[in-house]
Amino acid sequence: MLSWIYSFFQSPEVTPELKKSIESTINSNKIVIYSKSYCPYCIKAKQIFDKYSVDYKVIELNQLQNGSSIQQGLLDITGQRTVPNIFIDGNHVGGCDQLTQWYGTGKLREVLNKLNGINKESIH
């Protein structure tokens, strides 16, 4: 019984293959949001991207059997355990607070315009 209790507090296993899969997803998509479908911060982050009508890939960790392992892998890669865990053009942005700050200052618009190779005023 004690082993079951200890297993509850252990971090999920992150295999080298899983890390490679996470990195591949990040690098093969312009925008990736690791999310949980019920998380209000994740919902807010997706709504911000929706305002710009840009495509993004969402990985809903709570809907995947290995979601806990992916979240642990993200912690290993980025140092961030919380969701949303956002990447743009292969670069780690952070979470909802950072995205909201970028949105408020106009930096997100600049990053998205640069990502799409379009002029400064294209994305409104």
PDB file of N, CA and C in Angstrom:
ATOM      1  N   MET A   1       0.816  -1.194   0.000  1.00  0.00           N
ATOM      2  CA  MET A   1       0.000   0.000   0.000  1.00  0.00           C
ATOM      3  C   MET A   1       0.859   1.258   0.000  1.00  0.00           C
ATOM      4  N   LEU A   2       1.949   1.262   0.737  1.00  0.00           N
ATOM      5  CA  LEU A   2       2.825   2.428   0.752  1.00  0.00           C
ATOM      6  C   LEU A   2       3.399   2.714  -0.624  1.00  0.00           C
ATOM      7  N   SER A   3       3.699   1.669  -1.381  1.00  0.00           N
ATOM      8  CA  SER A   3       4.247   1.903  -2.724  1.00  0.00           C
ATOM      9  C   SER A   3       3.244   2.638  -3.603  1.00  0.00           C
ATOM     10  N   TRP A   4       1.971   2.337  -3.444  1.00  0.00           N
ATOM     11  CA  TRP A   4       0.937   3.045  -4.205  1.00  0.00           C
ATOM     12  C   TRP A   4       0.906   4.516  -3.826  1.00  0.00           C
ATOM     13  N   ILE A   5       0.999   4.812  -2.535  1.00  0.00           N
ATOM     14  CA  ILE A   5       1.000   6.197  -2.065  1.00  0.00           C
ATOM     15  C   ILE A   5       2.221   6.924  -2.598  1.00  0.00           C
ATOM     16  N   TYR A   6       3.398   6.299  -2.538  1.00  0.00           N
ATOM     17  CA  TYR A   6       4.610   6.928  -3.062  1.00  0.00           C
ATOM     18  C   TYR A   6       4.509   7.170  -4.560  1.00  0.00           C
ATOM     19  N   SER A   7       3.911   6.239  -5.292  1.00  0.00           N
ATOM     20  CA  SER A   7       3.793   6.389  -6.744  1.00  0.00           C
ATOM     21  C   SER A   7       2.917   7.588  -7.105  1.00  0.00           C
ATOM     22  N   PHE A   8       1.988   7.932  -6.237  1.00  0.00           N
ATOM     23  CA  PHE A   8       1.114   9.073  -6.483  1.00  0.00           C
ATOM     24  C   PHE A   8       1.904  10.376  -6.528  1.00  0.00           C
ATOM     25  N   PHE A   9       3.004  10.439  -5.759  1.00  0.00           N
ATOM     26  CA  PHE A   9       3.790  11.665  -5.667  1.00  0.00           C
ATOM     27  C   PHE A   9       4.997  11.677  -6.593  1.00  0.00           C
ATOM     28  N   GLN A  10       5.229  10.601  -7.304  1.00  0.00           N
ATOM     29  CA  GLN A  10       6.366  10.552  -8.219  1.00  0.00           C
ATOM     30  C   GLN A  10       6.032  11.258  -9.520  1.00  0.00           C
ATOM     31  N   SER A  11       7.056  11.860 -10.115  1.00  0.00           N
ATOM     32  CA  SER A  11       6.881  12.510 -11.410  1.00  0.00           C
ATOM     33  C   SER A  11       6.666  11.456 -12.481  1.00  0.00           C
ATOM     34  N   PRO A  12       5.814  11.753 -13.475  1.00  0.00           N
ATOM     35  CA  PRO A  12       5.630  10.802 -14.567  1.00  0.00           C
ATOM     36  C   PRO A  12       6.926  10.635 -15.361  1.00  0.00           C
ATOM     37  N   GLU A  13       7.048   9.496 -15.991  1.00  0.00           N
ATOM     38  CA  GLU A  13       8.260   9.198 -16.758  1.00  0.00           C
ATOM     39  C   GLU A  13       8.290   9.987 -18.058  1.00  0.00           C
ATOM     40  N   VAL A  14       9.452  10.564 -18.333  1.00  0.00           N
ATOM     41  CA  VAL A  14       9.669  11.272 -19.592  1.00  0.00           C
ATOM     42  C   VAL A  14      10.794  10.545 -20.324  1.00  0.00           C
ATOM     43  N   THR A  15      10.425   9.827 -21.353  1.00  0.00           N
ATOM     44  CA  THR A  15      11.416   9.085 -22.135  1.00  0.00           C
ATOM     45  C   THR A  15      12.082  10.020 -23.146  1.00  0.00           C
ATOM     46  N   PRO A  16      13.263   9.663 -23.611  1.00  0.00           N
ATOM     47  CA  PRO A  16      13.904  10.460 -24.662  1.00  0.00           C
ATOM     48  C   PRO A  16      13.016  10.576 -25.909  1.00  0.00           C
ATOM     49  N   GLU A  17      12.264   9.523 -26.210  1.00  0.00           N
ATOM     50  CA  GLU A  17      11.370   9.554 -27.368  1.00  0.00           C
ATOM     51  C   GLU A  17      10.254  10.574 -27.169  1.00  0.00           C
ATOM     52  N   LEU A  18       9.728  10.651 -25.955  1.00  0.00           N
ATOM     53  CA  LEU A  18       8.673  11.629 -25.675  1.00  0.00           C
ATOM     54  C   LEU A  18       9.214  13.050 -25.808  1.00  0.00           C
ATOM     55  N   LYS A  19      10.412  13.291 -25.276  1.00  0.00           N
ATOM     56  CA  LYS A  19      11.024  14.624 -25.407  1.00  0.00           C
ATOM     57  C   LYS A  19      11.213  14.993 -26.878  1.00  0.00           C
ATOM     58  N   LYS A  20      11.667  14.034 -27.672  1.00  0.00           N
ATOM     59  CA  LYS A  20      11.847  14.290 -29.103  1.00  0.00           C
ATOM     60  C   LYS A  20      10.512  14.584 -29.771  1.00  0.00           C
ATOM     61  N   SER A  21       9.469  13.895 -29.354  1.00  0.00           N
ATOM     62  CA  SER A  21       8.140  14.122 -29.907  1.00  0.00           C
ATOM     63  C   SER A  21       7.634  15.527 -29.557  1.00  0.00           C
ATOM     64  N   ILE A  22       7.845  15.946 -28.318  1.00  0.00           N
ATOM     65  CA  ILE A  22       7.449  17.293 -27.898  1.00  0.00           C
ATOM     66  C   ILE A  22       8.202  18.327 -28.718  1.00  0.00           C
ATOM     67  N   GLU A  23       9.510  18.172 -28.819  1.00  0.00           N
ATOM     68  CA  GLU A  23      10.334  19.121 -29.573  1.00  0.00           C
ATOM     69  C   GLU A  23       9.944  19.140 -31.049  1.00  0.00           C
ATOM     70  N   SER A  24       9.608  17.985 -31.603  1.00  0.00           N
ATOM     71  CA  SER A  24       9.170  17.913 -32.997  1.00  0.00           C
ATOM     72  C   SER A  24       7.863  18.684 -33.197  1.00  0.00           C
ATOM     73  N   THR A  25       6.932  18.520 -32.274  1.00  0.00           N
ATOM     74  CA  THR A  25       5.660  19.249 -32.355  1.00  0.00           C
ATOM     75  C   THR A  25       5.908  20.749 -32.294  1.00  0.00           C
ATOM     76  N   ILE A  26       6.752  21.176 -31.381  1.00  0.00           N
ATOM     77  CA  ILE A  26       7.064  22.598 -31.224  1.00  0.00           C
ATOM     78  C   ILE A  26       7.703  23.151 -32.491  1.00  0.00           C
ATOM     79  N   ASN A  27       8.633  22.413 -33.065  1.00  0.00           N
ATOM     80  CA  ASN A  27       9.385  22.909 -34.216  1.00  0.00           C
ATOM     81  C   ASN A  27       8.656  22.778 -35.543  1.00  0.00           C
ATOM     82  N   SER A  28       7.615  21.956 -35.601  1.00  0.00           N
ATOM     83  CA  SER A  28       6.918  21.765 -36.877  1.00  0.00           C
ATOM     84  C   SER A  28       5.608  22.549 -36.953  1.00  0.00           C
ATOM     85  N   ASN A  29       5.331  23.384 -35.964  1.00  0.00           N
ATOM     86  CA  ASN A  29       4.130  24.221 -35.963  1.00  0.00           C
ATOM     87  C   ASN A  29       4.515  25.653 -35.625  1.00  0.00           C
ATOM     88  N   LYS A  30       3.893  26.603 -36.293  1.00  0.00           N
ATOM     89  CA  LYS A  30       4.220  28.008 -36.029  1.00  0.00           C
ATOM     90  C   LYS A  30       3.837  28.416 -34.615  1.00  0.00           C
ATOM     91  N   ILE A  31       2.671  27.969 -34.153  1.00  0.00           N
ATOM     92  CA  ILE A  31       2.201  28.296 -32.812  1.00  0.00           C
ATOM     93  C   ILE A  31       1.671  27.019 -32.169  1.00  0.00           C
ATOM     94  N   VAL A  32       2.150  26.734 -30.956  1.00  0.00           N
ATOM     95  CA  VAL A  32       1.695  25.568 -30.219  1.00  0.00           C
ATOM     96  C   VAL A  32       1.295  26.017 -28.812  1.00  0.00           C
ATOM     97  N   ILE A  33       0.129  25.553 -28.388  1.00  0.00           N
ATOM     98  CA  ILE A  33      -0.330  25.817 -27.040  1.00  0.00           C
ATOM     99  C   ILE A  33      -0.572  24.468 -26.358  1.00  0.00           C
ATOM    100  N   TYR A  34       0.219  24.184 -25.330  1.00  0.00           N
ATOM    101  CA  TYR A  34      -0.056  23.035 -24.484  1.00  0.00           C
ATOM    102  C   TYR A  34      -1.039  23.534 -23.440  1.00  0.00           C
ATOM    103  N   SER A  35      -2.180  22.869 -23.351  1.00  0.00           N
ATOM    104  CA  SER A  35      -3.330  23.401 -22.646  1.00  0.00           C
ATOM    105  C   SER A  35      -4.028  22.309 -21.859  1.00  0.00           C
ATOM    106  N   LYS A  36      -4.966  22.721 -21.035  1.00  0.00           N
ATOM    107  CA  LYS A  36      -5.965  21.824 -20.445  1.00  0.00           C
ATOM    108  C   LYS A  36      -7.308  22.469 -20.762  1.00  0.00           C
ATOM    109  N   SER A  37      -8.216  21.686 -21.274  1.00  0.00           N
ATOM    110  CA  SER A  37      -9.460  22.220 -21.825  1.00  0.00           C
ATOM    111  C   SER A  37     -10.292  23.001 -20.818  1.00  0.00           C
ATOM    112  N   TYR A  38     -10.157  22.709 -19.545  1.00  0.00           N
ATOM    113  CA  TYR A  38     -10.960  23.370 -18.515  1.00  0.00           C
ATOM    114  C   TYR A  38     -10.259  24.573 -17.877  1.00  0.00           C
ATOM    115  N   CYS A  39      -9.033  24.834 -18.240  1.00  0.00           N
ATOM    116  CA  CYS A  39      -8.226  25.877 -17.606  1.00  0.00           C
ATOM    117  C   CYS A  39      -8.614  27.267 -18.119  1.00  0.00           C
ATOM    118  N   PRO A  40      -9.026  28.169 -17.247  1.00  0.00           N
ATOM    119  CA  PRO A  40      -9.427  29.504 -17.706  1.00  0.00           C
ATOM    120  C   PRO A  40      -8.281  30.293 -18.339  1.00  0.00           C
ATOM    121  N   TYR A  41      -7.047  30.066 -17.895  1.00  0.00           N
ATOM    122  CA  TYR A  41      -5.907  30.764 -18.493  1.00  0.00           C
ATOM    123  C   TYR A  41      -5.627  30.248 -19.898  1.00  0.00           C
ATOM    124  N   CYS A  42      -5.830  28.962 -20.101  1.00  0.00           N
ATOM    125  CA  CYS A  42      -5.669  28.374 -21.432  1.00  0.00           C
ATOM    126  C   CYS A  42      -6.743  28.907 -22.379  1.00  0.00           C
ATOM    127  N   ILE A  43      -7.953  28.986 -21.891  1.00  0.00           N
ATOM    128  CA  ILE A  43      -9.057  29.513 -22.701  1.00  0.00           C
ATOM    129  C   ILE A  43      -8.755  30.952 -23.092  1.00  0.00           C
ATOM    130  N   LYS A  44      -8.265  31.745 -22.160  1.00  0.00           N
ATOM    131  CA  LYS A  44      -7.931  33.146 -22.448  1.00  0.00           C
ATOM    132  C   LYS A  44      -6.827  33.234 -23.505  1.00  0.00           C
ATOM    133  N   ALA A  45      -5.815  32.400 -23.395  1.00  0.00           N
ATOM    134  CA  ALA A  45      -4.717  32.414 -24.367  1.00  0.00           C
ATOM    135  C   ALA A  45      -5.233  32.085 -25.769  1.00  0.00           C
ATOM    136  N   LYS A  46      -6.091  31.086 -25.868  1.00  0.00           N
ATOM    137  CA  LYS A  46      -6.652  30.717 -27.173  1.00  0.00           C
ATOM    138  C   LYS A  46      -7.512  31.850 -27.722  1.00  0.00           C
ATOM    139  N   GLN A  47      -8.239  32.538 -26.857  1.00  0.00           N
ATOM    140  CA  GLN A  47      -9.066  33.668 -27.296  1.00  0.00           C
ATOM    141  C   GLN A  47      -8.205  34.804 -27.836  1.00  0.00           C
ATOM    142  N   ILE A  48      -7.045  35.032 -27.228  1.00  0.00           N
ATOM    143  CA  ILE A  48      -6.134  36.070 -27.729  1.00  0.00           C
ATOM    144  C   ILE A  48      -5.678  35.724 -29.136  1.00  0.00           C
ATOM    145  N   PHE A  49      -5.265  34.485 -29.361  1.00  0.00           N
ATOM    146  CA  PHE A  49      -4.844  34.095 -30.710  1.00  0.00           C
ATOM    147  C   PHE A  49      -6.018  34.156 -31.683  1.00  0.00           C
ATOM    148  N   ASP A  50      -7.216  33.812 -31.227  1.00  0.00           N
ATOM    149  CA  ASP A  50      -8.397  33.883 -32.094  1.00  0.00           C
ATOM    150  C   ASP A  50      -8.671  35.315 -32.555  1.00  0.00           C
ATOM    151  N   LYS A  51      -8.346  36.306 -31.734  1.00  0.00           N
ATOM    152  CA  LYS A  51      -8.539  37.711 -32.123  1.00  0.00           C
ATOM    153  C   LYS A  51      -7.724  38.060 -33.354  1.00  0.00           C
ATOM    154  N   TYR A  52      -6.596  37.373 -33.530  1.00  0.00           N
ATOM    155  CA  TYR A  52      -5.733  37.619 -34.684  1.00  0.00           C
ATOM    156  C   TYR A  52      -6.036  36.689 -35.852  1.00  0.00           C
ATOM    157  N   SER A  53      -6.974  35.792 -35.684  1.00  0.00           N
ATOM    158  CA  SER A  53      -7.345  34.835 -36.730  1.00  0.00           C
ATOM    159  C   SER A  53      -6.135  34.076 -37.267  1.00  0.00           C
ATOM    160  N   VAL A  54      -5.281  33.637 -36.360  1.00  0.00           N
ATOM    161  CA  VAL A  54      -4.119  32.844 -36.759  1.00  0.00           C
ATOM    162  C   VAL A  54      -4.361  31.382 -36.401  1.00  0.00           C
ATOM    163  N   ASP A  55      -3.748  30.509 -37.168  1.00  0.00           N
ATOM    164  CA  ASP A  55      -3.833  29.080 -36.874  1.00  0.00           C
ATOM    165  C   ASP A  55      -2.846  28.729 -35.775  1.00  0.00           C
ATOM    166  N   TYR A  56      -3.251  27.855 -34.913  1.00  0.00           N
ATOM    167  CA  TYR A  56      -2.366  27.371 -33.864  1.00  0.00           C
ATOM    168  C   TYR A  56      -2.735  25.930 -33.555  1.00  0.00           C
ATOM    169  N   LYS A  57      -1.756  25.202 -33.060  1.00  0.00           N
ATOM    170  CA  LYS A  57      -1.982  23.808 -32.669  1.00  0.00           C
ATOM    171  C   LYS A  57      -2.167  23.774 -31.160  1.00  0.00           C
ATOM    172  N   VAL A  58      -3.229  23.118 -30.736  1.00  0.00           N
ATOM    173  CA  VAL A  58      -3.511  22.969 -29.310  1.00  0.00           C
ATOM    174  C   VAL A  58      -3.347  21.505 -28.924  1.00  0.00           C
ATOM    175  N   ILE A  59      -2.606  21.286 -27.873  1.00  0.00           N
ATOM    176  CA  ILE A  59      -2.459  19.955 -27.291  1.00  0.00           C
ATOM    177  C   ILE A  59      -3.167  20.009 -25.936  1.00  0.00           C
ATOM    178  N   GLU A  60      -4.321  19.366 -25.842  1.00  0.00           N
ATOM    179  CA  GLU A  60      -5.090  19.354 -24.599  1.00  0.00           C
ATOM    180  C   GLU A  60      -4.592  18.198 -23.730  1.00  0.00           C
ATOM    181  N   LEU A  61      -3.730  18.531 -22.790  1.00  0.00           N
ATOM    182  CA  LEU A  61      -3.058  17.508 -21.983  1.00  0.00           C
ATOM    183  C   LEU A  61      -4.025  16.651 -21.180  1.00  0.00           C
ATOM    184  N   ASN A  62      -5.126  17.234 -20.738  1.00  0.00           N
ATOM    185  CA  ASN A  62      -6.083  16.464 -19.936  1.00  0.00           C
ATOM    186  C   ASN A  62      -6.877  15.467 -20.774  1.00  0.00           C
ATOM    187  N   GLN A  63      -6.747  15.530 -22.074  1.00  0.00           N
ATOM    188  CA  GLN A  63      -7.455  14.604 -22.948  1.00  0.00           C
ATOM    189  C   GLN A  63      -6.537  13.527 -23.520  1.00  0.00           C
ATOM    190  N   LEU A  64      -5.292  13.510 -23.083  1.00  0.00           N
ATOM    191  CA  LEU A  64      -4.321  12.528 -23.561  1.00  0.00           C
ATOM    192  C   LEU A  64      -3.926  11.585 -22.430  1.00  0.00           C
ATOM    193  N   GLN A  65      -3.783  10.323 -22.768  1.00  0.00           N
ATOM    194  CA  GLN A  65      -3.387   9.336 -21.769  1.00  0.00           C
ATOM    195  C   GLN A  65      -2.013   9.665 -21.185  1.00  0.00           C
ATOM    196  N   ASN A  66      -1.119  10.200 -21.997  1.00  0.00           N
ATOM    197  CA  ASN A  66       0.229  10.535 -21.528  1.00  0.00           C
ATOM    198  C   ASN A  66       0.387  12.032 -21.253  1.00  0.00           C
ATOM    199  N   GLY A  67      -0.714  12.725 -21.008  1.00  0.00           N
ATOM    200  CA  GLY A  67      -0.683  14.165 -20.767  1.00  0.00           C
ATOM    201  C   GLY A  67       0.207  14.574 -19.605  1.00  0.00           C
ATOM    202  N   SER A  68       0.197  13.786 -18.527  1.00  0.00           N
ATOM    203  CA  SER A  68       1.053  14.103 -17.372  1.00  0.00           C
ATOM    204  C   SER A  68       2.528  13.981 -17.732  1.00  0.00           C
ATOM    205  N   SER A  69       2.852  12.982 -18.527  1.00  0.00           N
ATOM    206  CA  SER A  69       4.244  12.810 -18.959  1.00  0.00           C
ATOM    207  C   SER A  69       4.668  13.951 -19.877  1.00  0.00           C
ATOM    208  N   ILE A  70       3.765  14.376 -20.765  1.00  0.00           N
ATOM    209  CA  ILE A  70       4.079  15.508 -21.646  1.00  0.00           C
ATOM    210  C   ILE A  70       4.301  16.765 -20.806  1.00  0.00           C
ATOM    211  N   GLN A  71       3.446  16.978 -19.815  1.00  0.00           N
ATOM    212  CA  GLN A  71       3.597  18.152 -18.955  1.00  0.00           C
ATOM    213  C   GLN A  71       4.928  18.101 -18.207  1.00  0.00           C
ATOM    214  N   GLN A  72       5.330  16.932 -17.757  1.00  0.00           N
ATOM    215  CA  GLN A  72       6.628  16.784 -17.111  1.00  0.00           C
ATOM    216  C   GLN A  72       7.759  17.043 -18.107  1.00  0.00           C
ATOM    217  N   GLY A  73       7.590  16.577 -19.331  1.00  0.00           N
ATOM    218  CA  GLY A  73       8.583  16.836 -20.370  1.00  0.00           C
ATOM    219  C   GLY A  73       8.722  18.322 -20.669  1.00  0.00           C
ATOM    220  N   LEU A  74       7.607  19.030 -20.673  1.00  0.00           N
ATOM    221  CA  LEU A  74       7.641  20.482 -20.870  1.00  0.00           C
ATOM    222  C   LEU A  74       8.387  21.170 -19.729  1.00  0.00           C
ATOM    223  N   LEU A  75       8.190  20.678 -18.519  1.00  0.00           N
ATOM    224  CA  LEU A  75       8.937  21.218 -17.383  1.00  0.00           C
ATOM    225  C   LEU A  75      10.434  21.015 -17.590  1.00  0.00           C
ATOM    226  N   ASP A  76      10.813  19.829 -18.036  1.00  0.00           N
ATOM    227  CA  ASP A  76      12.228  19.540 -18.294  1.00  0.00           C
ATOM    228  C   ASP A  76      12.795  20.451 -19.379  1.00  0.00           C
ATOM    229  N   ILE A  77      12.004  20.731 -20.405  1.00  0.00           N
ATOM    230  CA  ILE A  77      12.459  21.523 -21.553  1.00  0.00           C
ATOM    231  C   ILE A  77      12.469  23.014 -21.243  1.00  0.00           C
ATOM    232  N   THR A  78      11.419  23.501 -20.567  1.00  0.00           N
ATOM    233  CA  THR A  78      11.234  24.949 -20.416  1.00  0.00           C
ATOM    234  C   THR A  78      11.394  25.469 -18.996  1.00  0.00           C
ATOM    235  N   GLY A  79      11.291  24.588 -18.017  1.00  0.00           N
ATOM    236  CA  GLY A  79      11.280  25.033 -16.631  1.00  0.00           C
ATOM    237  C   GLY A  79       9.906  25.488 -16.171  1.00  0.00           C
ATOM    238  N   GLN A  80       8.911  25.372 -17.035  1.00  0.00           N
ATOM    239  CA  GLN A  80       7.544  25.775 -16.711  1.00  0.00           C
ATOM    240  C   GLN A  80       6.658  24.540 -16.643  1.00  0.00           C
ATOM    241  N   ARG A  81       5.954  24.379 -15.546  1.00  0.00           N
ATOM    242  CA  ARG A  81       5.054  23.236 -15.399  1.00  0.00           C
ATOM    243  C   ARG A  81       3.614  23.617 -15.711  1.00  0.00           C
ATOM    244  N   THR A  82       3.267  24.878 -15.533  1.00  0.00           N
ATOM    245  CA  THR A  82       1.877  25.302 -15.675  1.00  0.00           C
ATOM    246  C   THR A  82       1.450  25.392 -17.137  1.00  0.00           C
ATOM    247  N   VAL A  83       0.143  25.378 -17.323  1.00  0.00           N
ATOM    248  CA  VAL A  83      -0.447  25.600 -18.633  1.00  0.00           C
ATOM    249  C   VAL A  83      -1.244  26.895 -18.577  1.00  0.00           C
ATOM    250  N   PRO A  84      -1.378  27.566 -19.705  1.00  0.00           N
ATOM    251  CA  PRO A  84      -0.861  27.180 -21.008  1.00  0.00           C
ATOM    252  C   PRO A  84       0.658  27.321 -21.070  1.00  0.00           C
ATOM    253  N   ASN A  85       1.238  26.522 -21.900  1.00  0.00           N
ATOM    254  CA  ASN A  85       2.663  26.573 -22.181  1.00  0.00           C
ATOM    255  C   ASN A  85       2.751  26.833 -23.679  1.00  0.00           C
ATOM    256  N   ILE A  86       3.167  28.034 -24.043  1.00  0.00           N
ATOM    257  CA  ILE A  86       3.000  28.551 -25.402  1.00  0.00           C
ATOM    258  C   ILE A  86       4.345  28.678 -26.111  1.00  0.00           C
ATOM    259  N   PHE A  87       4.343  28.295 -27.387  1.00  0.00           N
ATOM    260  CA  PHE A  87       5.520  28.400 -28.243  1.00  0.00           C
ATOM    261  C   PHE A  87       5.131  29.090 -29.546  1.00  0.00           C
ATOM    262  N   ILE A  88       5.960  30.015 -29.983  1.00  0.00           N
ATOM    263  CA  ILE A  88       5.774  30.667 -31.282  1.00  0.00           C
ATOM    264  C   ILE A  88       7.074  30.523 -32.054  1.00  0.00           C
ATOM    265  N   ASP A  89       6.974  29.964 -33.247  1.00  0.00           N
ATOM    266  CA  ASP A  89       8.123  29.773 -34.133  1.00  0.00           C
ATOM    267  C   ASP A  89       9.253  29.020 -33.432  1.00  0.00           C
ATOM    268  N   GLY A  90       8.883  28.011 -32.647  1.00  0.00           N
ATOM    269  CA  GLY A  90       9.872  27.186 -31.964  1.00  0.00           C
ATOM    270  C   GLY A  90      10.433  27.789 -30.689  1.00  0.00           C
ATOM    271  N   ASN A  91      10.015  29.006 -30.352  1.00  0.00           N
ATOM    272  CA  ASN A  91      10.517  29.689 -29.164  1.00  0.00           C
ATOM    273  C   ASN A  91       9.479  29.666 -28.049  1.00  0.00           C
ATOM    274  N   HIS A  92       9.944  29.428 -26.849  1.00  0.00           N
ATOM    275  CA  HIS A  92       9.056  29.389 -25.695  1.00  0.00           C
ATOM    276  C   HIS A  92       8.653  30.811 -25.310  1.00  0.00           C
ATOM    277  N   VAL A  93       7.354  31.065 -25.295  1.00  0.00           N
ATOM    278  CA  VAL A  93       6.818  32.370 -24.902  1.00  0.00           C
ATOM    279  C   VAL A  93       6.601  32.402 -23.400  1.00  0.00           C
ATOM    280  N   GLY A  94       6.032  31.343 -22.860  1.00  0.00           N
ATOM    281  CA  GLY A  94       5.663  31.288 -21.454  1.00  0.00           C
ATOM    282  C   GLY A  94       4.213  30.907 -21.337  1.00  0.00           C
ATOM    283  N   GLY A  95       3.521  31.553 -20.403  1.00  0.00           N
ATOM    284  CA  GLY A  95       2.126  31.243 -20.164  1.00  0.00           C
ATOM    285  C   GLY A  95       1.205  32.387 -20.522  1.00  0.00           C
ATOM    286  N   CYS A  96       0.032  32.366 -19.937  1.00  0.00           N
ATOM    287  CA  CYS A  96      -1.000  33.349 -20.233  1.00  0.00           C
ATOM    288  C   CYS A  96      -0.573  34.764 -19.829  1.00  0.00           C
ATOM    289  N   ASP A  97       0.089  34.894 -18.686  1.00  0.00           N
ATOM    290  CA  ASP A  97       0.514  36.229 -18.246  1.00  0.00           C
ATOM    291  C   ASP A  97       1.453  36.873 -19.255  1.00  0.00           C
ATOM    292  N   GLN A  98       2.419  36.114 -19.747  1.00  0.00           N
ATOM    293  CA  GLN A  98       3.366  36.654 -20.731  1.00  0.00           C
ATOM    294  C   GLN A  98       2.654  36.986 -22.037  1.00  0.00           C
ATOM    295  N   LEU A  99       1.770  36.098 -22.485  1.00  0.00           N
ATOM    296  CA  LEU A  99       1.030  36.341 -23.721  1.00  0.00           C
ATOM    297  C   LEU A  99       0.156  37.586 -23.588  1.00  0.00           C
ATOM    298  N   THR A 100      -0.508  37.732 -22.452  1.00  0.00           N
ATOM    299  CA  THR A 100      -1.355  38.903 -22.217  1.00  0.00           C
ATOM    300  C   THR A 100      -0.528  40.180 -22.218  1.00  0.00           C
ATOM    301  N   GLN A 101       0.651  40.120 -21.635  1.00  0.00           N
ATOM    302  CA  GLN A 101       1.542  41.282 -21.650  1.00  0.00           C
ATOM    303  C   GLN A 101       1.948  41.626 -23.079  1.00  0.00           C
ATOM    304  N   TRP A 102       2.342  40.624 -23.840  1.00  0.00           N
ATOM    305  CA  TRP A 102       2.714  40.860 -25.241  1.00  0.00           C
ATOM    306  C   TRP A 102       1.542  41.447 -26.015  1.00  0.00           C
ATOM    307  N   TYR A 103       0.347  40.943 -25.764  1.00  0.00           N
ATOM    308  CA  TYR A 103      -0.853  41.438 -26.437  1.00  0.00           C
ATOM    309  C   TYR A 103      -1.081  42.914 -26.097  1.00  0.00           C
ATOM    310  N   GLY A 104      -0.972  43.252 -24.836  1.00  0.00           N
ATOM    311  CA  GLY A 104      -1.215  44.616 -24.383  1.00  0.00           C
ATOM    312  C   GLY A 104      -0.214  45.624 -24.897  1.00  0.00           C
ATOM    313  N   THR A 105       1.025  45.206 -25.087  1.00  0.00           N
ATOM    314  CA  THR A 105       2.067  46.128 -25.548  1.00  0.00           C
ATOM    315  C   THR A 105       2.208  46.161 -27.067  1.00  0.00           C
ATOM    316  N   GLY A 106       1.521  45.275 -27.766  1.00  0.00           N
ATOM    317  CA  GLY A 106       1.643  45.205 -29.219  1.00  0.00           C
ATOM    318  C   GLY A 106       2.740  44.271 -29.694  1.00  0.00           C
ATOM    319  N   LYS A 107       3.514  43.714 -28.769  1.00  0.00           N
ATOM    320  CA  LYS A 107       4.600  42.805 -29.163  1.00  0.00           C
ATOM    321  C   LYS A 107       4.066  41.559 -29.852  1.00  0.00           C
ATOM    322  N   LEU A 108       2.914  41.051 -29.403  1.00  0.00           N
ATOM    323  CA  LEU A 108       2.363  39.850 -30.026  1.00  0.00           C
ATOM    324  C   LEU A 108       2.056  40.116 -31.491  1.00  0.00           C
ATOM    325  N   ARG A 109       1.467  41.252 -31.800  1.00  0.00           N
ATOM    326  CA  ARG A 109       1.171  41.609 -33.194  1.00  0.00           C
ATOM    327  C   ARG A 109       2.460  41.643 -34.016  1.00  0.00           C
ATOM    328  N   GLU A 110       3.500  42.245 -33.461  1.00  0.00           N
ATOM    329  CA  GLU A 110       4.781  42.318 -34.167  1.00  0.00           C
ATOM    330  C   GLU A 110       5.350  40.926 -34.423  1.00  0.00           C
ATOM    331  N   VAL A 111       5.308  40.070 -33.403  1.00  0.00           N
ATOM    332  CA  VAL A 111       5.838  38.706 -33.534  1.00  0.00           C
ATOM    333  C   VAL A 111       5.045  37.936 -34.585  1.00  0.00           C
ATOM    334  N   LEU A 112       3.725  38.050 -34.547  1.00  0.00           N
ATOM    335  CA  LEU A 112       2.893  37.321 -35.514  1.00  0.00           C
ATOM    336  C   LEU A 112       3.087  37.855 -36.923  1.00  0.00           C
ATOM    337  N   ASN A 113       3.229  39.156 -37.077  1.00  0.00           N
ATOM    338  CA  ASN A 113       3.490  39.718 -38.399  1.00  0.00           C
ATOM    339  C   ASN A 113       4.831  39.238 -38.938  1.00  0.00           C
ATOM    340  N   LYS A 114       5.847  39.241 -38.098  1.00  0.00           N
ATOM    341  CA  LYS A 114       7.167  38.757 -38.502  1.00  0.00           C
ATOM    342  C   LYS A 114       7.106  37.282 -38.873  1.00  0.00           C
ATOM    343  N   LEU A 115       6.376  36.527 -38.081  1.00  0.00           N
ATOM    344  CA  LEU A 115       6.216  35.094 -38.323  1.00  0.00           C
ATOM    345  C   LEU A 115       5.576  34.846 -39.688  1.00  0.00           C
ATOM    346  N   ASN A 116       4.621  35.668 -40.035  1.00  0.00           N
ATOM    347  CA  ASN A 116       3.909  35.503 -41.302  1.00  0.00           C
ATOM    348  C   ASN A 116       4.564  36.258 -42.454  1.00  0.00           C
ATOM    349  N   GLY A 117       5.658  36.998 -42.168  1.00  0.00           N
ATOM    350  CA  GLY A 117       6.363  37.720 -43.205  1.00  0.00           C
ATOM    351  C   GLY A 117       5.532  38.809 -43.854  1.00  0.00           C
ATOM    352  N   ILE A 118       4.718  39.477 -43.064  1.00  0.00           N
ATOM    353  CA  ILE A 118       3.855  40.526 -43.597  1.00  0.00           C
ATOM    354  C   ILE A 118       4.154  41.848 -42.921  1.00  0.00           C
ATOM    355  N   ASN A 119       3.632  42.922 -43.504  1.00  0.00           N
ATOM    356  CA  ASN A 119       3.963  44.243 -42.971  1.00  0.00           C
ATOM    357  C   ASN A 119       3.359  44.473 -41.589  1.00  0.00           C
ATOM    358  N   LYS A 120       3.839  45.515 -40.930  1.00  0.00           N
ATOM    359  CA  LYS A 120       3.504  45.787 -39.527  1.00  0.00           C
ATOM    360  C   LYS A 120       2.016  45.954 -39.264  1.00  0.00           C
ATOM    361  N   GLU A 121       1.263  46.429 -40.210  1.00  0.00           N
ATOM    362  CA  GLU A 121      -0.132  46.743 -39.975  1.00  0.00           C
ATOM    363  C   GLU A 121      -1.094  45.636 -40.408  1.00  0.00           C
ATOM    364  N   SER A 122      -0.602  44.522 -40.895  1.00  0.00           N
ATOM    365  CA  SER A 122      -1.476  43.511 -41.477  1.00  0.00           C
ATOM    366  C   SER A 122      -2.385  42.825 -40.482  1.00  0.00           C
ATOM    367  N   ILE A 123      -1.853  42.414 -39.348  1.00  0.00           N
ATOM    368  CA  ILE A 123      -2.682  41.731 -38.348  1.00  0.00           C
ATOM    369  C   ILE A 123      -3.219  42.783 -37.392  1.00  0.00           C
ATOM    370  N   HIS A 124      -4.521  42.814 -37.267  1.00  0.00           N
ATOM    371  CA  HIS A 124      -5.160  43.838 -36.401  1.00  0.00           C
ATOM    372  C   HIS A 124      -5.785  43.197 -35.203  1.00  0.00           C
TER     373      HIS A 124
END
